[in-house]
Amino acid sequence: GWQSLVRNRSEERMLHFIDVFRRVYCRVSYILSAAIIVFMTCLQFFQIFYRYVCGHVFIWSNDVIIFSITTAVAVTIPPLWLEHGHVTMDLITGKLSRRADHLLSIAVELISFAMSAAMAYAGIVAVRMHIGYSTSLLGYDDSLHYLFVVYIGVMLCVTILLSLIERILKYHKEA
C-alpha cells in the first residue's frame, strides 16, 4: 500500500540524487583534470622554449609537473569508480545467477570501500608524519604530497558508497 509508495518515492529520490551527483561531480572532475593536464603541457613547452632559446632552466618545473600529475590522478579516480569506468575482470559475470552476480558485485564494492577507508587513513598518518619537512625546491611542506592520498581515499569511499546504494536500489527495483 502506501508504505510501498513511500519507499518507491524515496528510492527514486535517492537514485535521482546519485544521478545528479554523478553528472556534476564527474563533469567538474574531468574538466579540472583536463585543465591540469593542459597547464602541465604548456608548462613543459614553456620550459623547453625557455631552456633552448633563453639558455635558462626553471628548476621548479619538475616539482610542479609531479604535483600536477598527482592532482590529475586524484581528481580523476573517484569519478571513474562512480561511472563504473574502472577496470574489472568479468570472468564470472554471466556464468552465475543474477542474484549471485549481484552479491559478488556488492562484495567487490564492500571490499573496495574498506580499502579506500584504509587508504584515507594511511594518507592521514602520512600527512601527520611529514608535516614540517620540506625536500622540494619550491619549499612547500612534504605533507602536501599525501593530501592526494587522503582525498582519493575519502572520495572513493563516497563514490563507492553511492555506487553500492545505486546497485542495491536498481536490483530491488528490477526484482
N, C-alpha and C. Protein backbone atom coordinates (compact mmCIF):
# COMPACT_ATOMS: atom_id res chain seq x y z
N GLY A 1 0.81 -1.17 0.00
CA GLY A 1 0.00 0.00 0.00
C GLY A 1 0.86 1.25 0.00
N TRP A 2 0.52 2.12 0.94
CA TRP A 2 1.15 3.44 1.00
C TRP A 2 2.62 3.35 1.41
N GLN A 3 2.99 2.31 2.21
CA GLN A 3 4.39 2.15 2.60
C GLN A 3 5.26 1.84 1.39
N SER A 4 4.71 1.04 0.52
CA SER A 4 5.43 0.71 -0.72
C SER A 4 5.60 1.96 -1.59
N LEU A 5 4.56 2.79 -1.65
CA LEU A 5 4.62 4.02 -2.43
C LEU A 5 5.67 4.98 -1.86
N VAL A 6 5.71 5.11 -0.53
CA VAL A 6 6.69 5.99 0.12
C VAL A 6 8.10 5.46 -0.12
N ARG A 7 8.28 4.13 0.01
CA ARG A 7 9.59 3.54 -0.21
C ARG A 7 10.02 3.74 -1.66
N ASN A 8 9.12 3.55 -2.60
CA ASN A 8 9.46 3.74 -4.02
C ASN A 8 9.85 5.19 -4.30
N ARG A 9 9.14 6.15 -3.70
CA ARG A 9 9.49 7.55 -3.91
C ARG A 9 10.84 7.89 -3.32
N SER A 10 11.13 7.38 -2.13
CA SER A 10 12.44 7.66 -1.53
C SER A 10 13.56 7.00 -2.33
N GLU A 11 13.29 5.81 -2.86
CA GLU A 11 14.29 5.16 -3.72
C GLU A 11 14.51 5.96 -4.99
N GLU A 12 13.42 6.46 -5.57
CA GLU A 12 13.55 7.28 -6.78
C GLU A 12 14.31 8.56 -6.49
N ARG A 13 14.06 9.19 -5.34
CA ARG A 13 14.79 10.41 -4.97
C ARG A 13 16.28 10.12 -4.79
N MET A 14 16.58 8.99 -4.15
CA MET A 14 17.99 8.64 -3.94
C MET A 14 18.68 8.36 -5.27
N LEU A 15 18.02 7.63 -6.15
CA LEU A 15 18.60 7.36 -7.48
C LEU A 15 18.78 8.66 -8.26
N HIS A 16 17.82 9.58 -8.13
CA HIS A 16 17.94 10.87 -8.80
C HIS A 16 19.12 11.66 -8.24
N PHE A 17 19.26 11.66 -6.90
CA PHE A 17 20.40 12.35 -6.27
C PHE A 17 21.72 11.78 -6.77
N ILE A 18 21.83 10.46 -6.81
CA ILE A 18 23.07 9.82 -7.27
C ILE A 18 23.35 10.19 -8.72
N ASP A 19 22.30 10.21 -9.53
CA ASP A 19 22.47 10.55 -10.95
C ASP A 19 22.95 12.00 -11.11
N VAL A 20 22.34 12.93 -10.37
CA VAL A 20 22.75 14.34 -10.44
C VAL A 20 24.17 14.50 -9.91
N PHE A 21 24.46 13.86 -8.77
CA PHE A 21 25.81 13.92 -8.20
C PHE A 21 26.83 13.39 -9.20
N ARG A 22 26.51 12.25 -9.83
CA ARG A 22 27.41 11.66 -10.81
C ARG A 22 27.69 12.63 -11.96
N ARG A 23 26.63 13.20 -12.52
CA ARG A 23 26.82 14.10 -13.66
C ARG A 23 27.65 15.33 -13.28
N VAL A 24 27.32 15.97 -12.17
CA VAL A 24 28.02 17.20 -11.77
C VAL A 24 29.45 16.89 -11.33
N TYR A 25 29.60 15.92 -10.43
CA TYR A 25 30.92 15.60 -9.90
C TYR A 25 31.86 15.11 -11.00
N CYS A 26 31.37 14.25 -11.87
CA CYS A 26 32.23 13.74 -12.95
C CYS A 26 32.60 14.85 -13.92
N ARG A 27 31.64 15.68 -14.28
CA ARG A 27 31.93 16.75 -15.23
C ARG A 27 32.98 17.71 -14.64
N VAL A 28 32.78 18.14 -13.40
CA VAL A 28 33.72 19.06 -12.76
C VAL A 28 35.10 18.40 -12.64
N SER A 29 35.14 17.14 -12.23
CA SER A 29 36.41 16.44 -12.06
C SER A 29 37.16 16.30 -13.38
N TYR A 30 36.46 15.92 -14.43
CA TYR A 30 37.12 15.74 -15.72
C TYR A 30 37.58 17.06 -16.31
N ILE A 31 36.80 18.12 -16.15
CA ILE A 31 37.22 19.44 -16.63
C ILE A 31 38.45 19.91 -15.87
N LEU A 32 38.43 19.74 -14.55
CA LEU A 32 39.57 20.13 -13.74
C LEU A 32 40.82 19.33 -14.11
N SER A 33 40.64 18.04 -14.31
CA SER A 33 41.77 17.19 -14.70
C SER A 33 42.32 17.60 -16.07
N ALA A 34 41.42 17.89 -17.01
CA ALA A 34 41.87 18.33 -18.34
C ALA A 34 42.61 19.66 -18.25
N ALA A 35 42.11 20.57 -17.43
CA ALA A 35 42.79 21.86 -17.26
C ALA A 35 44.18 21.68 -16.66
N ILE A 36 44.29 20.77 -15.71
CA ILE A 36 45.59 20.49 -15.09
C ILE A 36 46.56 19.91 -16.12
N ILE A 37 46.06 19.01 -16.95
CA ILE A 37 46.92 18.39 -17.97
C ILE A 37 47.34 19.43 -19.01
N VAL A 38 46.43 20.31 -19.41
CA VAL A 38 46.78 21.37 -20.35
C VAL A 38 47.82 22.31 -19.73
N PHE A 39 47.61 22.69 -18.46
CA PHE A 39 48.58 23.53 -17.75
C PHE A 39 49.95 22.85 -17.72
N MET A 40 49.96 21.58 -17.39
CA MET A 40 51.21 20.83 -17.29
C MET A 40 51.92 20.78 -18.65
N THR A 41 51.16 20.57 -19.70
CA THR A 41 51.74 20.50 -21.05
C THR A 41 52.29 21.87 -21.46
N CYS A 42 51.54 22.92 -21.19
CA CYS A 42 52.01 24.28 -21.51
C CYS A 42 53.28 24.61 -20.73
N LEU A 43 53.31 24.22 -19.46
CA LEU A 43 54.49 24.46 -18.65
C LEU A 43 55.71 23.74 -19.24
N GLN A 44 55.50 22.53 -19.70
CA GLN A 44 56.61 21.77 -20.29
C GLN A 44 57.10 22.44 -21.57
N PHE A 45 56.16 22.90 -22.42
CA PHE A 45 56.57 23.60 -23.64
C PHE A 45 57.30 24.90 -23.31
N PHE A 46 56.80 25.62 -22.32
CA PHE A 46 57.46 26.86 -21.89
C PHE A 46 58.85 26.55 -21.36
N GLN A 47 58.97 25.49 -20.60
CA GLN A 47 60.27 25.08 -20.05
C GLN A 47 61.25 24.76 -21.18
N ILE A 48 60.80 24.02 -22.17
CA ILE A 48 61.67 23.66 -23.31
C ILE A 48 62.07 24.92 -24.07
N PHE A 49 61.10 25.78 -24.36
CA PHE A 49 61.40 27.04 -25.07
C PHE A 49 62.40 27.87 -24.27
N TYR A 50 62.14 28.07 -23.00
CA TYR A 50 62.99 28.91 -22.16
C TYR A 50 64.39 28.32 -22.05
N ARG A 51 64.46 27.00 -22.02
CA ARG A 51 65.76 26.35 -21.86
C ARG A 51 66.62 26.49 -23.13
N TYR A 52 66.01 26.24 -24.29
CA TYR A 52 66.81 26.22 -25.52
C TYR A 52 66.91 27.57 -26.21
N VAL A 53 65.97 28.47 -25.97
CA VAL A 53 66.03 29.78 -26.60
C VAL A 53 66.76 30.78 -25.68
N CYS A 54 66.42 30.77 -24.41
CA CYS A 54 67.00 31.74 -23.46
C CYS A 54 68.20 31.19 -22.70
N GLY A 55 68.37 29.88 -22.72
CA GLY A 55 69.52 29.28 -22.06
C GLY A 55 69.39 29.16 -20.55
N HIS A 56 68.19 29.24 -20.03
CA HIS A 56 67.97 29.11 -18.59
C HIS A 56 67.02 27.94 -18.31
N VAL A 57 67.13 27.41 -17.10
CA VAL A 57 66.28 26.28 -16.72
C VAL A 57 65.47 26.67 -15.49
N PHE A 58 64.18 26.35 -15.53
CA PHE A 58 63.35 26.51 -14.33
C PHE A 58 63.49 25.24 -13.51
N ILE A 59 64.20 25.33 -12.40
CA ILE A 59 64.43 24.13 -11.60
C ILE A 59 63.16 23.69 -10.87
N TRP A 60 62.20 24.57 -10.73
CA TRP A 60 60.97 24.24 -10.01
C TRP A 60 59.94 23.55 -10.87
N SER A 61 60.15 23.50 -12.18
CA SER A 61 59.11 22.94 -13.06
C SER A 61 58.88 21.45 -12.82
N ASN A 62 59.93 20.71 -12.45
CA ASN A 62 59.73 19.28 -12.19
C ASN A 62 58.81 19.06 -10.99
N ASP A 63 58.97 19.87 -9.94
CA ASP A 63 58.07 19.78 -8.79
C ASP A 63 56.63 20.07 -9.19
N VAL A 64 56.45 21.09 -10.01
CA VAL A 64 55.10 21.46 -10.45
C VAL A 64 54.50 20.37 -11.32
N ILE A 65 55.29 19.76 -12.18
CA ILE A 65 54.80 18.68 -13.04
C ILE A 65 54.37 17.48 -12.20
N ILE A 66 55.18 17.09 -11.24
CA ILE A 66 54.82 15.96 -10.36
C ILE A 66 53.56 16.28 -9.57
N PHE A 67 53.48 17.49 -9.05
CA PHE A 67 52.30 17.93 -8.32
C PHE A 67 51.07 17.91 -9.23
N SER A 68 51.24 18.32 -10.47
CA SER A 68 50.13 18.33 -11.43
C SER A 68 49.66 16.93 -11.77
N ILE A 69 50.59 16.02 -11.98
CA ILE A 69 50.22 14.64 -12.30
C ILE A 69 49.44 14.01 -11.14
N THR A 70 49.93 14.18 -9.93
CA THR A 70 49.23 13.58 -8.78
C THR A 70 47.86 14.23 -8.58
N THR A 71 47.75 15.51 -8.86
CA THR A 71 46.46 16.18 -8.75
C THR A 71 45.49 15.65 -9.80
N ALA A 72 45.94 15.51 -11.03
CA ALA A 72 45.07 14.99 -12.09
C ALA A 72 44.59 13.57 -11.77
N VAL A 73 45.48 12.75 -11.25
CA VAL A 73 45.09 11.38 -10.88
C VAL A 73 44.09 11.41 -9.74
N ALA A 74 44.36 12.22 -8.72
CA ALA A 74 43.47 12.30 -7.56
C ALA A 74 42.08 12.79 -7.95
N VAL A 75 42.02 13.69 -8.90
CA VAL A 75 40.73 14.24 -9.31
C VAL A 75 39.97 13.28 -10.22
N THR A 76 40.66 12.39 -10.91
CA THR A 76 40.03 11.53 -11.91
C THR A 76 39.58 10.17 -11.38
N ILE A 77 40.28 9.60 -10.43
CA ILE A 77 39.98 8.23 -9.99
C ILE A 77 38.58 8.07 -9.37
N PRO A 78 38.17 8.89 -8.39
CA PRO A 78 36.84 8.67 -7.80
C PRO A 78 35.67 8.74 -8.79
N PRO A 79 35.64 9.72 -9.73
CA PRO A 79 34.52 9.70 -10.67
C PRO A 79 34.54 8.48 -11.59
N LEU A 80 35.71 7.95 -11.88
CA LEU A 80 35.76 6.73 -12.69
C LEU A 80 35.06 5.58 -11.99
N TRP A 81 35.23 5.50 -10.67
CA TRP A 81 34.55 4.44 -9.94
C TRP A 81 33.04 4.65 -9.99
N LEU A 82 32.62 5.88 -9.80
CA LEU A 82 31.19 6.17 -9.80
C LEU A 82 30.55 5.87 -11.14
N GLU A 83 31.29 6.03 -12.21
CA GLU A 83 30.78 5.74 -13.55
C GLU A 83 31.03 4.29 -13.96
N HIS A 84 31.56 3.51 -13.06
CA HIS A 84 31.94 2.12 -13.33
C HIS A 84 32.92 2.05 -14.50
N GLY A 85 33.81 3.02 -14.56
CA GLY A 85 34.82 3.07 -15.61
C GLY A 85 36.12 2.43 -15.18
N HIS A 86 36.12 1.82 -14.00
CA HIS A 86 37.31 1.16 -13.51
C HIS A 86 37.48 -0.19 -14.21
N VAL A 87 38.65 -0.71 -14.13
CA VAL A 87 38.95 -1.98 -14.79
C VAL A 87 38.40 -3.12 -13.94
N THR A 88 37.61 -3.97 -14.56
CA THR A 88 37.11 -5.16 -13.87
C THR A 88 37.42 -6.38 -14.72
N MET A 89 37.49 -7.48 -14.05
CA MET A 89 37.69 -8.74 -14.76
C MET A 89 36.38 -9.51 -14.65
N ASP A 90 35.61 -9.49 -15.70
CA ASP A 90 34.30 -10.13 -15.69
C ASP A 90 34.40 -11.57 -16.20
N LEU A 91 35.20 -12.37 -15.50
CA LEU A 91 35.35 -13.76 -15.89
C LEU A 91 34.17 -14.61 -15.42
N ILE A 92 33.57 -14.18 -14.31
CA ILE A 92 32.47 -14.96 -13.74
C ILE A 92 31.12 -14.40 -14.14
N THR A 93 31.07 -13.08 -14.39
CA THR A 93 29.80 -12.43 -14.71
C THR A 93 29.15 -13.13 -15.91
N GLY A 94 27.87 -13.39 -15.77
CA GLY A 94 27.13 -14.06 -16.84
C GLY A 94 27.10 -15.57 -16.68
N LYS A 95 28.02 -16.12 -15.90
CA LYS A 95 28.04 -17.55 -15.66
C LYS A 95 27.34 -17.91 -14.35
N LEU A 96 27.02 -16.89 -13.56
CA LEU A 96 26.33 -17.10 -12.30
C LEU A 96 24.88 -16.63 -12.43
N SER A 97 24.08 -16.96 -11.45
CA SER A 97 22.72 -16.46 -11.44
C SER A 97 22.74 -14.94 -11.24
N ARG A 98 21.63 -14.31 -11.53
CA ARG A 98 21.54 -12.86 -11.38
C ARG A 98 21.80 -12.46 -9.94
N ARG A 99 21.25 -13.20 -8.99
CA ARG A 99 21.43 -12.92 -7.57
C ARG A 99 22.90 -13.09 -7.14
N ALA A 100 23.53 -14.17 -7.59
CA ALA A 100 24.93 -14.42 -7.25
C ALA A 100 25.83 -13.33 -7.85
N ASP A 101 25.53 -12.92 -9.07
CA ASP A 101 26.28 -11.85 -9.71
C ASP A 101 26.12 -10.54 -8.93
N HIS A 102 24.90 -10.27 -8.48
CA HIS A 102 24.61 -9.08 -7.68
C HIS A 102 25.38 -9.12 -6.36
N LEU A 103 25.37 -10.26 -5.69
CA LEU A 103 26.07 -10.40 -4.42
C LEU A 103 27.59 -10.29 -4.60
N LEU A 104 28.10 -10.82 -5.69
CA LEU A 104 29.52 -10.69 -5.98
C LEU A 104 29.91 -9.22 -6.20
N SER A 105 29.08 -8.50 -6.93
CA SER A 105 29.33 -7.07 -7.16
C SER A 105 29.30 -6.29 -5.85
N ILE A 106 28.37 -6.63 -4.99
CA ILE A 106 28.28 -5.96 -3.68
C ILE A 106 29.53 -6.28 -2.85
N ALA A 107 29.98 -7.53 -2.89
CA ALA A 107 31.18 -7.90 -2.15
C ALA A 107 32.39 -7.11 -2.65
N VAL A 108 32.52 -6.94 -3.96
CA VAL A 108 33.61 -6.14 -4.53
C VAL A 108 33.52 -4.70 -4.05
N GLU A 109 32.31 -4.15 -4.06
CA GLU A 109 32.12 -2.77 -3.60
C GLU A 109 32.48 -2.63 -2.12
N LEU A 110 32.07 -3.58 -1.29
CA LEU A 110 32.36 -3.51 0.15
C LEU A 110 33.86 -3.63 0.42
N ILE A 111 34.52 -4.54 -0.27
CA ILE A 111 35.97 -4.68 -0.10
C ILE A 111 36.68 -3.42 -0.58
N SER A 112 36.23 -2.87 -1.68
CA SER A 112 36.81 -1.64 -2.20
C SER A 112 36.59 -0.48 -1.24
N PHE A 113 35.41 -0.43 -0.62
CA PHE A 113 35.14 0.61 0.38
C PHE A 113 36.11 0.49 1.55
N ALA A 114 36.31 -0.73 2.03
CA ALA A 114 37.24 -0.94 3.15
C ALA A 114 38.66 -0.52 2.76
N MET A 115 39.08 -0.87 1.56
CA MET A 115 40.41 -0.50 1.10
C MET A 115 40.55 1.02 0.93
N SER A 116 39.49 1.67 0.48
CA SER A 116 39.53 3.13 0.33
C SER A 116 39.59 3.82 1.68
N ALA A 117 38.86 3.29 2.65
CA ALA A 117 38.94 3.84 4.01
C ALA A 117 40.35 3.66 4.57
N ALA A 118 40.95 2.50 4.31
CA ALA A 118 42.33 2.27 4.75
C ALA A 118 43.29 3.22 4.04
N MET A 119 43.04 3.50 2.77
CA MET A 119 43.88 4.44 2.03
C MET A 119 43.78 5.84 2.63
N ALA A 120 42.56 6.27 2.95
CA ALA A 120 42.37 7.59 3.56
C ALA A 120 43.09 7.65 4.91
N TYR A 121 42.98 6.60 5.70
CA TYR A 121 43.64 6.57 7.00
C TYR A 121 45.17 6.60 6.83
N ALA A 122 45.69 5.82 5.89
CA ALA A 122 47.13 5.81 5.65
C ALA A 122 47.60 7.18 5.18
N GLY A 123 46.78 7.86 4.37
CA GLY A 123 47.13 9.21 3.94
C GLY A 123 47.17 10.19 5.10
N ILE A 124 46.21 10.06 6.03
CA ILE A 124 46.20 10.94 7.21
C ILE A 124 47.45 10.70 8.06
N VAL A 125 47.81 9.44 8.24
CA VAL A 125 49.02 9.11 9.00
C VAL A 125 50.25 9.69 8.31
N ALA A 126 50.33 9.55 7.00
CA ALA A 126 51.48 10.08 6.25
C ALA A 126 51.54 11.60 6.32
N VAL A 127 50.39 12.26 6.24
CA VAL A 127 50.37 13.73 6.36
C VAL A 127 50.92 14.14 7.72
N ARG A 128 50.46 13.47 8.77
CA ARG A 128 50.93 13.81 10.12
C ARG A 128 52.43 13.58 10.28
N MET A 129 52.94 12.53 9.64
CA MET A 129 54.36 12.21 9.76
C MET A 129 55.25 13.18 9.00
N HIS A 130 54.73 13.79 7.94
CA HIS A 130 55.57 14.64 7.08
C HIS A 130 55.35 16.13 7.28
N ILE A 131 54.51 16.51 8.22
CA ILE A 131 54.31 17.94 8.47
C ILE A 131 55.62 18.56 9.00
N GLY A 132 55.99 19.66 8.40
CA GLY A 132 57.19 20.37 8.85
C GLY A 132 58.44 20.04 8.06
N TYR A 133 58.39 19.05 7.19
CA TYR A 133 59.56 18.70 6.38
C TYR A 133 59.38 19.26 4.98
N SER A 134 60.49 19.70 4.40
CA SER A 134 60.45 20.22 3.05
C SER A 134 61.68 19.75 2.30
N THR A 135 61.45 18.95 1.26
CA THR A 135 62.57 18.48 0.43
C THR A 135 62.45 18.99 -1.00
N SER A 136 61.42 19.78 -1.28
CA SER A 136 61.23 20.25 -2.65
C SER A 136 61.96 21.58 -2.86
N LEU A 137 62.23 21.89 -4.10
CA LEU A 137 62.88 23.14 -4.44
C LEU A 137 61.95 24.33 -4.21
N LEU A 138 60.64 24.09 -4.29
CA LEU A 138 59.68 25.17 -4.08
C LEU A 138 59.49 25.49 -2.59
N GLY A 139 59.92 24.57 -1.74
CA GLY A 139 59.84 24.81 -0.31
C GLY A 139 58.50 24.53 0.33
N TYR A 140 57.60 23.84 -0.39
CA TYR A 140 56.32 23.52 0.23
C TYR A 140 56.48 22.31 1.16
N ASP A 141 55.58 22.21 2.08
CA ASP A 141 55.59 21.15 3.08
C ASP A 141 55.37 19.79 2.42
N ASP A 142 56.19 18.79 2.75
CA ASP A 142 56.07 17.47 2.14
C ASP A 142 54.75 16.78 2.45
N SER A 143 54.05 17.22 3.47
CA SER A 143 52.76 16.60 3.79
C SER A 143 51.74 16.84 2.68
N LEU A 144 51.96 17.85 1.84
CA LEU A 144 51.04 18.12 0.72
C LEU A 144 50.98 16.95 -0.26
N HIS A 145 52.08 16.22 -0.39
CA HIS A 145 52.09 15.06 -1.30
C HIS A 145 51.04 14.04 -0.89
N TYR A 146 50.79 13.93 0.39
CA TYR A 146 49.92 12.88 0.90
C TYR A 146 48.47 13.33 1.04
N LEU A 147 48.20 14.60 0.85
CA LEU A 147 46.81 15.06 0.86
C LEU A 147 46.02 14.44 -0.29
N PHE A 148 46.71 14.13 -1.38
CA PHE A 148 46.04 13.50 -2.51
C PHE A 148 45.60 12.09 -2.15
N VAL A 149 46.40 11.41 -1.36
CA VAL A 149 46.02 10.05 -0.90
C VAL A 149 44.78 10.14 -0.03
N VAL A 150 44.75 11.14 0.85
CA VAL A 150 43.57 11.34 1.70
C VAL A 150 42.35 11.65 0.84
N TYR A 151 42.52 12.56 -0.13
CA TYR A 151 41.40 12.94 -1.00
C TYR A 151 40.88 11.74 -1.78
N ILE A 152 41.79 10.98 -2.40
CA ILE A 152 41.36 9.81 -3.17
C ILE A 152 40.64 8.82 -2.26
N GLY A 153 41.19 8.55 -1.07
CA GLY A 153 40.56 7.61 -0.16
C GLY A 153 39.17 8.04 0.27
N VAL A 154 39.03 9.31 0.65
CA VAL A 154 37.73 9.81 1.09
C VAL A 154 36.72 9.82 -0.06
N MET A 155 37.13 10.36 -1.21
CA MET A 155 36.19 10.45 -2.33
C MET A 155 35.87 9.08 -2.90
N LEU A 156 36.80 8.13 -2.85
CA LEU A 156 36.47 6.77 -3.26
C LEU A 156 35.45 6.17 -2.30
N CYS A 157 35.59 6.44 -1.02
CA CYS A 157 34.59 5.96 -0.05
C CYS A 157 33.20 6.51 -0.40
N VAL A 158 33.14 7.80 -0.71
CA VAL A 158 31.87 8.43 -1.06
C VAL A 158 31.30 7.83 -2.35
N THR A 159 32.13 7.76 -3.38
CA THR A 159 31.63 7.27 -4.67
C THR A 159 31.30 5.79 -4.63
N ILE A 160 32.07 5.01 -3.89
CA ILE A 160 31.76 3.58 -3.78
C ILE A 160 30.47 3.39 -3.00
N LEU A 161 30.27 4.17 -1.95
CA LEU A 161 29.03 4.08 -1.18
C LEU A 161 27.83 4.44 -2.05
N LEU A 162 27.95 5.50 -2.83
CA LEU A 162 26.85 5.87 -3.74
C LEU A 162 26.62 4.80 -4.80
N SER A 163 27.70 4.24 -5.32
CA SER A 163 27.58 3.18 -6.31
C SER A 163 26.91 1.95 -5.70
N LEU A 164 27.26 1.62 -4.47
CA LEU A 164 26.66 0.48 -3.78
C LEU A 164 25.17 0.70 -3.55
N ILE A 165 24.80 1.88 -3.09
CA ILE A 165 23.38 2.20 -2.88
C ILE A 165 22.62 2.11 -4.19
N GLU A 166 23.21 2.67 -5.24
CA GLU A 166 22.56 2.63 -6.56
C GLU A 166 22.39 1.20 -7.03
N ARG A 167 23.41 0.38 -6.86
CA ARG A 167 23.36 -1.01 -7.30
C ARG A 167 22.24 -1.77 -6.56
N ILE A 168 22.16 -1.56 -5.26
CA ILE A 168 21.13 -2.25 -4.46
C ILE A 168 19.73 -1.77 -4.84
N LEU A 169 19.56 -0.46 -4.98
CA LEU A 169 18.23 0.07 -5.33
C LEU A 169 17.78 -0.40 -6.70
N LYS A 170 18.68 -0.38 -7.66
CA LYS A 170 18.31 -0.84 -9.02
C LYS A 170 18.01 -2.34 -9.04
N TYR A 171 18.74 -3.12 -8.24
CA TYR A 171 18.49 -4.55 -8.18
C TYR A 171 17.10 -4.81 -7.60
N HIS A 172 16.76 -4.11 -6.54
CA HIS A 172 15.44 -4.31 -5.92
C HIS A 172 14.33 -3.78 -6.80
N LYS A 173 14.60 -2.75 -7.57
CA LYS A 173 13.59 -2.18 -8.48
C LYS A 173 13.29 -3.16 -9.61
N GLU A 174 14.33 -3.84 -10.09
CA GLU A 174 14.15 -4.81 -11.19
C GLU A 174 13.55 -6.13 -10.72
N ALA A 175 13.71 -6.43 -9.42
CA ALA A 175 13.22 -7.71 -8.90
C ALA A 175 11.72 -7.73 -8.72
